[in-house]
C-alpha atoms as a PDB file:
ATOM      1  CA  MET A   1       0.000   0.000   0.000  1.00  0.00           C
ATOM      2  CA  THR A   2       1.387   3.407  -0.980  1.00  0.00           C
ATOM      3  CA  THR A   3       2.014   6.288   1.428  1.00  0.00           C
ATOM      4  CA  PHE A   4      -0.852   8.179  -0.216  1.00  0.00           C
ATOM      5  CA  ALA A   5      -3.268   5.280   0.338  1.00  0.00           C
ATOM      6  CA  ARG A   6      -2.241   4.851   3.976  1.00  0.00           C
ATOM      7  CA  LYS A   7      -2.549   8.580   4.598  1.00  0.00           C
ATOM      8  CA  MET A   8      -5.945   8.755   2.928  1.00  0.00           C
ATOM      9  CA  ILE A   9      -7.347   5.790   4.882  1.00  0.00           C
ATOM     10  CA  PHE A  10      -5.981   7.120   8.178  1.00  0.00           C
ATOM     11  CA  THR A  11      -7.411  10.601   7.568  1.00  0.00           C
ATOM     12  CA  MET A  12     -10.804   9.162   6.634  1.00  0.00           C
ATOM     13  CA  PHE A  13     -10.748   7.059   9.787  1.00  0.00           C
ATOM     14  CA  LEU A  14     -10.207  10.195  11.860  1.00  0.00           C
ATOM     15  CA  ASP A  15     -12.902  12.127   9.995  1.00  0.00           C
ATOM     16  CA  VAL A  16     -15.510   9.372   9.710  1.00  0.00           C
ATOM     17  CA  GLY A  17     -14.419   6.419  11.835  1.00  0.00           C
ATOM     18  CA  LEU A  18     -13.859   8.191  15.156  1.00  0.00           C
ATOM     19  CA  PRO A  19     -17.461   9.466  15.450  1.00  0.00           C
ATOM     20  CA  VAL A  20     -18.736   5.961  14.638  1.00  0.00           C
ATOM     21  CA  VAL A  21     -16.398   4.428  17.236  1.00  0.00           C
ATOM     22  CA  ALA A  22     -17.628   6.983  19.791  1.00  0.00           C
ATOM     23  CA  TYR A  23     -21.243   6.093  18.952  1.00  0.00           C
ATOM     24  CA  TYR A  24     -20.782   2.340  19.423  1.00  0.00           C
ATOM     25  CA  ALA A  25     -18.550   2.771  22.501  1.00  0.00           C
ATOM     26  CA  ALA A  26     -21.216   4.849  24.209  1.00  0.00           C
ATOM     27  CA  ASN A  27     -23.831   2.314  23.141  1.00  0.00           C
ATOM     28  CA  LEU A  28     -21.845  -0.580  24.621  1.00  0.00           C
ATOM     29  CA  LEU A  29     -21.460   1.354  27.868  1.00  0.00           C
ATOM     30  CA  GLY A  30     -25.246   1.449  28.167  1.00  0.00           C
ATOM     31  CA  ALA A  31     -25.986   4.928  26.866  1.00  0.00           C
ATOM     32  CA  SER A  32     -29.224   5.551  25.023  1.00  0.00           C
ATOM     33  CA  ALA A  33     -29.216   5.881  21.238  1.00  0.00           C
ATOM     34  CA  TYR A  34     -29.653   9.642  21.608  1.00  0.00           C
ATOM     35  CA  VAL A  35     -26.681  10.027  23.980  1.00  0.00           C
ATOM     36  CA  SER A  36     -24.588   7.733  21.768  1.00  0.00           C
ATOM     37  CA  LEU A  37     -25.365   9.880  18.734  1.00  0.00           C
ATOM     38  CA  LEU A  38     -24.545  12.977  20.738  1.00  0.00           C
ATOM     39  CA  ALA A  39     -21.154  11.496  21.659  1.00  0.00           C
ATOM     40  CA  GLY A  40     -20.412  10.779  18.000  1.00  0.00           C
ATOM     41  CA  THR A  41     -21.492  14.271  16.997  1.00  0.00           C
ATOM     42  CA  VAL A  42     -19.282  15.923  19.612  1.00  0.00           C
ATOM     43  CA  VAL A  43     -16.274  13.858  18.484  1.00  0.00           C
ATOM     44  CA  ALA A  44     -16.917  14.863  14.859  1.00  0.00           C
ATOM     45  CA  GLY A  45     -17.116  18.525  15.821  1.00  0.00           C
ATOM     46  CA  LEU A  46     -13.941  18.393  17.920  1.00  0.00           C
ATOM     47  CA  ARG A  47     -12.102  16.736  15.025  1.00  0.00           C
ATOM     48  CA  THR A  48     -13.220  19.502  12.642  1.00  0.00           C
ATOM     49  CA  VAL A  49     -12.105  22.235  15.036  1.00  0.00           C
ATOM     50  CA  TRP A  50      -8.786  20.481  15.740  1.00  0.00           C
ATOM     51  CA  VAL A  51      -7.970  20.271  12.013  1.00  0.00           C
ATOM     52  CA  ALA A  52      -8.698  23.974  11.599  1.00  0.00           C
ATOM     53  CA  VAL A  53      -6.462  24.855  14.578  1.00  0.00           C
ATOM     54  CA  ALA A  54      -3.659  22.518  13.479  1.00  0.00           C
ATOM     55  CA  GLN A  55      -3.613  24.054   9.997  1.00  0.00           C
ATOM     56  CA  ARG A  56      -3.711  27.541  11.585  1.00  0.00           C
ATOM     57  CA  ARG A  57      -6.300  28.593   9.086  1.00  0.00           C
ATOM     58  CA  VAL A  58      -9.975  27.991   8.379  1.00  0.00           C
ATOM     59  CA  ASP A  59     -10.971  27.800   4.738  1.00  0.00           C
ATOM     60  CA  LEU A  60     -14.523  28.374   3.559  1.00  0.00           C
ATOM     61  CA  PHE A  61     -15.438  24.689   3.550  1.00  0.00           C
ATOM     62  CA  SER A  62     -14.044  24.013   7.040  1.00  0.00           C
ATOM     63  CA  ALA A  63     -15.823  27.080   8.415  1.00  0.00           C
ATOM     64  CA  PHE A  64     -19.068  25.875   6.847  1.00  0.00           C
ATOM     65  CA  LEU A  65     -18.731  22.443   8.504  1.00  0.00           C
ATOM     66  CA  VAL A  66     -17.980  23.947  11.917  1.00  0.00           C
ATOM     67  CA  LEU A  67     -20.982  26.285  11.617  1.00  0.00           C
ATOM     68  CA  LEU A  68     -23.281  23.462  10.539  1.00  0.00           C
ATOM     69  CA  PHE A  69     -22.071  21.294  13.406  1.00  0.00           C
ATOM     70  CA  GLY A  70     -22.701  24.064  15.934  1.00  0.00           C
ATOM     71  CA  LEU A  71     -26.183  24.829  14.652  1.00  0.00           C
ATOM     72  CA  GLY A  72     -27.182  21.167  14.524  1.00  0.00           C
ATOM     73  CA  LEU A  73     -25.886  20.460  18.011  1.00  0.00           C
ATOM     74  CA  GLY A  74     -27.637  23.542  19.383  1.00  0.00           C
ATOM     75  CA  LEU A  75     -30.940  22.546  17.826  1.00  0.00           C
ATOM     76  CA  SER A  76     -30.567  19.020  19.188  1.00  0.00           C
ATOM     77  CA  PHE A  77     -30.157  20.361  22.737  1.00  0.00           C
ATOM     78  CA  LEU A  78     -33.037  22.793  22.362  1.00  0.00           C
ATOM     79  CA  THR A  79     -35.540  20.332  20.919  1.00  0.00           C
ATOM     80  CA  GLY A  80     -34.329  17.102  22.511  1.00  0.00           C
ATOM     81  CA  ASP A  81     -35.366  15.379  19.293  1.00  0.00           C
ATOM     82  CA  PRO A  82     -32.991  12.462  18.601  1.00  0.00           C
ATOM     83  CA  ARG A  83     -34.200  12.159  15.014  1.00  0.00           C
ATOM     84  CA  LEU A  84     -33.106  15.731  14.401  1.00  0.00           C
ATOM     85  CA  LEU A  85     -29.598  14.747  15.510  1.00  0.00           C
ATOM     86  CA  LEU A  86     -29.602  11.870  13.026  1.00  0.00           C
ATOM     87  CA  ALA A  87     -31.018  14.079  10.295  1.00  0.00           C
ATOM     88  CA  LYS A  88     -28.367  16.729  10.999  1.00  0.00           C
ATOM     89  CA  GLU A  89     -25.620  14.202  10.234  1.00  0.00           C
ATOM     90  CA  SER A  90     -27.266  13.345   6.919  1.00  0.00           C
ATOM     91  CA  VAL A  91     -27.753  17.010   6.036  1.00  0.00           C
ATOM     92  CA  THR A  92     -24.059  17.642   6.739  1.00  0.00           C
ATOM     93  CA  THR A  93     -23.125  14.838   4.360  1.00  0.00           C
ATOM     94  CA  PHE A  94     -25.575  16.173   1.767  1.00  0.00           C
ATOM     95  CA  CYS A  95     -24.107  19.682   1.961  1.00  0.00           C
ATOM     96  CA  ALA A  96     -20.588  18.260   1.632  1.00  0.00           C
ATOM     97  CA  GLY A  97     -21.696  16.359  -1.480  1.00  0.00           C
ATOM     98  CA  VAL A  98     -23.286  19.455  -2.990  1.00  0.00           C
ATOM     99  CA  ALA A  99     -20.138  21.471  -2.230  1.00  0.00           C
ATOM    100  CA  LEU A 100     -18.001  18.843  -3.976  1.00  0.00           C
ATOM    101  CA  VAL A 101     -20.204  18.754  -7.064  1.00  0.00           C
ATOM    102  CA  GLY A 102     -20.420  22.560  -7.133  1.00  0.00           C
ATOM    103  CA  SER A 103     -16.643  22.898  -6.892  1.00  0.00           C
ATOM    104  CA  CYS A 104     -16.368  21.172 -10.286  1.00  0.00           C
ATOM    105  CA  ALA A 105     -17.327  24.555 -11.743  1.00  0.00           C
ATOM    106  CA  LEU A 106     -14.192  26.107 -10.224  1.00  0.00           C
ATOM    107  CA  ARG A 107     -10.651  26.160 -11.545  1.00  0.00           C
ATOM    108  CA  ARG A 108      -9.612  23.736  -8.815  1.00  0.00           C
ATOM    109  CA  PRO A 109     -12.177  21.339  -7.322  1.00  0.00           C
ATOM    110  CA  LEU A 110     -12.156  20.464  -3.630  1.00  0.00           C
ATOM    111  CA  VAL A 111     -10.421  17.108  -4.101  1.00  0.00           C
ATOM    112  CA  TYR A 112      -7.362  18.958  -5.380  1.00  0.00           C
ATOM    113  CA  TYR A 113      -6.961  20.619  -1.980  1.00  0.00           C
ATOM    114  CA  ALA A 114      -7.514  17.331  -0.157  1.00  0.00           C
ATOM    115  CA  ALA A 115      -4.851  15.647  -2.302  1.00  0.00           C
ATOM    116  CA  ARG A 116      -2.461  18.525  -1.699  1.00  0.00           C
ATOM    117  CA  ARG A 117      -2.922  18.163   2.056  1.00  0.00           C
ATOM    118  CA  PHE A 118      -2.216  14.413   1.862  1.00  0.00           C
ATOM    119  CA  ALA A 119       0.905  15.050  -0.217  1.00  0.00           C
ATOM    120  CA  GLN A 120       2.191  17.756   2.119  1.00  0.00           C
ATOM    121  CA  SER A 121       1.635  15.491   5.106  1.00  0.00           C
ATOM    122  CA  ALA A 122       3.502  12.636   3.413  1.00  0.00           C
ATOM    123  CA  GLY A 123       6.352  14.972   2.390  1.00  0.00           C
ATOM    124  CA  GLY A 124       9.427  13.858   0.469  1.00  0.00           C
ATOM    125  CA  ASP A 125       8.925  12.226  -2.929  1.00  0.00           C
ATOM    126  CA  GLN A 126       5.146  12.245  -2.550  1.00  0.00           C
ATOM    127  CA  GLN A 127       5.038  16.016  -2.183  1.00  0.00           C
ATOM    128  CA  ARG A 128       7.514  16.617  -5.005  1.00  0.00           C
ATOM    129  CA  GLU A 129       5.549  14.329  -7.316  1.00  0.00           C
ATOM    130  CA  PHE A 130       2.328  16.158  -6.493  1.00  0.00           C
ATOM    131  CA  GLU A 131       3.850  19.559  -7.178  1.00  0.00           C
ATOM    132  CA  ALA A 132       5.352  18.359 -10.464  1.00  0.00           C
ATOM    133  CA  THR A 133       2.177  16.785 -11.858  1.00  0.00           C
ATOM    134  CA  ALA A 134      -0.693  18.631 -10.142  1.00  0.00           C
ATOM    135  CA  HIS A 135      -1.438  20.915 -13.076  1.00  0.00           C
ATOM    136  CA  ASN A 136      -0.985  18.687 -16.122  1.00  0.00           C
ATOM    137  CA  ALA A 137      -4.101  17.812 -18.123  1.00  0.00           C
ATOM    138  CA  PRO A 138      -4.536  14.139 -17.077  1.00  0.00           C
ATOM    139  CA  ARG A 139      -4.144  14.999 -13.387  1.00  0.00           C
ATOM    140  CA  ARG A 140      -6.582  17.899 -13.651  1.00  0.00           C
ATOM    141  CA  ARG A 141      -9.163  15.571 -15.239  1.00  0.00           C
ATOM    142  CA  ARG A 142      -8.552  13.206 -12.351  1.00  0.00           C
ATOM    143  CA  TRP A 143      -9.294  15.916  -9.773  1.00  0.00           C
ATOM    144  CA  TYR A 144     -12.646  16.635 -11.430  1.00  0.00           C
ATOM    145  CA  GLN A 145     -13.518  12.945 -11.838  1.00  0.00           C
ATOM    146  CA  VAL A 146     -12.868  12.102  -8.182  1.00  0.00           C
ATOM    147  CA  THR A 147     -14.616  15.248  -6.945  1.00  0.00           C
ATOM    148  CA  LEU A 148     -17.736  14.484  -8.973  1.00  0.00           C
ATOM    149  CA  VAL A 149     -17.904  10.810  -7.940  1.00  0.00           C
ATOM    150  CA  TRP A 150     -17.442  11.640  -4.259  1.00  0.00           C
ATOM    151  CA  GLY A 151     -20.008  14.415  -4.459  1.00  0.00           C
ATOM    152  CA  VAL A 152     -22.667  12.235  -6.064  1.00  0.00           C
ATOM    153  CA  GLY A 153     -21.832   9.364  -3.705  1.00  0.00           C
ATOM    154  CA  LEU A 154     -22.229  11.504  -0.597  1.00  0.00           C
ATOM    155  CA  ILE A 155     -25.497  12.973  -1.846  1.00  0.00           C
ATOM    156  CA  ALA A 156     -26.899   9.475  -2.491  1.00  0.00           C
ATOM    157  CA  ASP A 157     -25.714   8.298   0.939  1.00  0.00           C
ATOM    158  CA  SER A 158     -27.329  11.256   2.703  1.00  0.00           C
ATOM    159  CA  VAL A 159     -30.658  10.800   0.925  1.00  0.00           C
ATOM    160  CA  LEU A 160     -30.829   7.095   1.863  1.00  0.00           C
ATOM    161  CA  ARG A 161     -29.900   7.854   5.458  1.00  0.00           C
ATOM    162  CA  ILE A 162     -32.432  10.646   5.934  1.00  0.00           C
ATOM    163  CA  VAL A 163     -35.199   8.461   4.466  1.00  0.00           C
ATOM    164  CA  GLY A 164     -34.270   5.828   7.064  1.00  0.00           C
ATOM    165  CA  VAL A 165     -34.292   8.414   9.858  1.00  0.00           C
ATOM    166  CA  TYR A 166     -37.971   9.221   9.339  1.00  0.00           C
ATOM    167  CA  THR A 167     -39.297   5.831   8.216  1.00  0.00           C
ATOM    168  CA  LEU A 168     -37.580   3.335  10.547  1.00  0.00           C
ATOM    169  CA  PRO A 169     -37.860   2.905  14.341  1.00  0.00           C
ATOM    170  CA  PHE A 170     -35.311   5.208  15.975  1.00  0.00           C
ATOM    171  CA  ASP A 171     -32.876   2.551  17.264  1.00  0.00           C
ATOM    172  CA  THR A 172     -32.919   0.831  13.875  1.00  0.00           C
ATOM    173  CA  ALA A 173     -32.502   4.160  12.069  1.00  0.00           C
ATOM    174  CA  ALA A 174     -29.491   5.039  14.242  1.00  0.00           C
ATOM    175  CA  SER A 175     -27.723   1.771  13.397  1.00  0.00           C
ATOM    176  CA  TRP A 176     -28.747   2.037   9.728  1.00  0.00           C
ATOM    177  CA  SER A 177     -27.282   5.527   9.512  1.00  0.00           C
ATOM    178  CA  GLN A 178     -23.918   4.491  10.980  1.00  0.00           C
ATOM    179  CA  VAL A 179     -23.600   1.329   8.885  1.00  0.00           C
ATOM    180  CA  LEU A 180     -24.585   3.087   5.657  1.00  0.00           C
ATOM    181  CA  LEU A 181     -22.038   5.833   6.347  1.00  0.00           C
ATOM    182  CA  ILE A 182     -19.266   3.234   6.747  1.00  0.00           C
ATOM    183  CA  VAL A 183     -20.317   1.387   3.581  1.00  0.00           C
ATOM    184  CA  ALA A 184     -20.475   4.614   1.556  1.00  0.00           C
ATOM    185  CA  PHE A 185     -17.030   5.825   2.600  1.00  0.00           C
ATOM    186  CA  ALA A 186     -15.459   2.383   2.254  1.00  0.00           C
ATOM    187  CA  GLY A 187     -16.861   2.131  -1.272  1.00  0.00           C
ATOM    188  CA  LEU A 188     -15.683   5.620  -2.241  1.00  0.00           C
ATOM    189  CA  ILE A 189     -12.207   5.062  -0.806  1.00  0.00           C
ATOM    190  CA  GLY A 190     -11.937   1.677  -2.541  1.00  0.00           C
ATOM    191  CA  TRP A 191     -13.013   3.184  -5.874  1.00  0.00           C
ATOM    192  CA  THR A 192     -10.533   6.054  -5.475  1.00  0.00           C
ATOM    193  CA  LEU A 193      -7.570   3.767  -4.775  1.00  0.00           C
ATOM    194  CA  LEU A 194      -8.498   1.300  -7.533  1.00  0.00           C
ATOM    195  CA  THR A 195      -8.916   3.961 -10.215  1.00  0.00           C
ATOM    196  CA  LYS A 196      -5.753   5.729  -8.997  1.00  0.00           C
ATOM    197  CA  ARG A 197      -3.707   2.605  -9.711  1.00  0.00           C
ATOM    198  CA  ARG A 198      -5.307   2.249 -13.135  1.00  0.00           C
ATOM    199  CA  ALA A 199      -4.614   5.893 -13.947  1.00  0.00           C
ATOM    200  CA  GLU A 200      -0.965   5.539 -12.911  1.00  0.00           C
ATOM    201  CA  ARG A 201      -0.524   2.472 -15.115  1.00  0.00           C
ATOM    202  CA  ALA A 202      -2.126   4.316 -18.039  1.00  0.00           C
END
């Protein structure tokens, strides 16, 4: 497995896996589904804030996620509605998907910035290779392809999850939402790594 693949999987685990781990850990400790979801939501928010602090800057997308997290958490406390907490997670995913798809209209889509962060974190040959090839035509097409696929995938995931939130019993909907999130991200990561290898061979 390449440094890029390891870095990508580890980053996705921190962004997506940690909130899921917090949810199931709280559940195993006897917490209600609502409290377990709240634990996962808090972990997700802390991770978002930590990334912004570590990078010493907050870009538009990161600021949007932090704001959405804060509003959703506040509404959850005010209403006490556990389904709203579940729906908030799906809406966050939906907005991220829309932002990805919308960024395809820009000169550099959002995946470009994610790839640059991975390369800078890896350093060495990985960073030099990124800087040397980031702006050639095949690599630019790749940025747009990955951005579009991830955007559509996240939108589809969020729609399925929010339908489950309001049609299934709450405990079932909570588990369905977490499992579907894992499946969606695992599928998107797998597709990204597989097509990356094919593109490199080509």
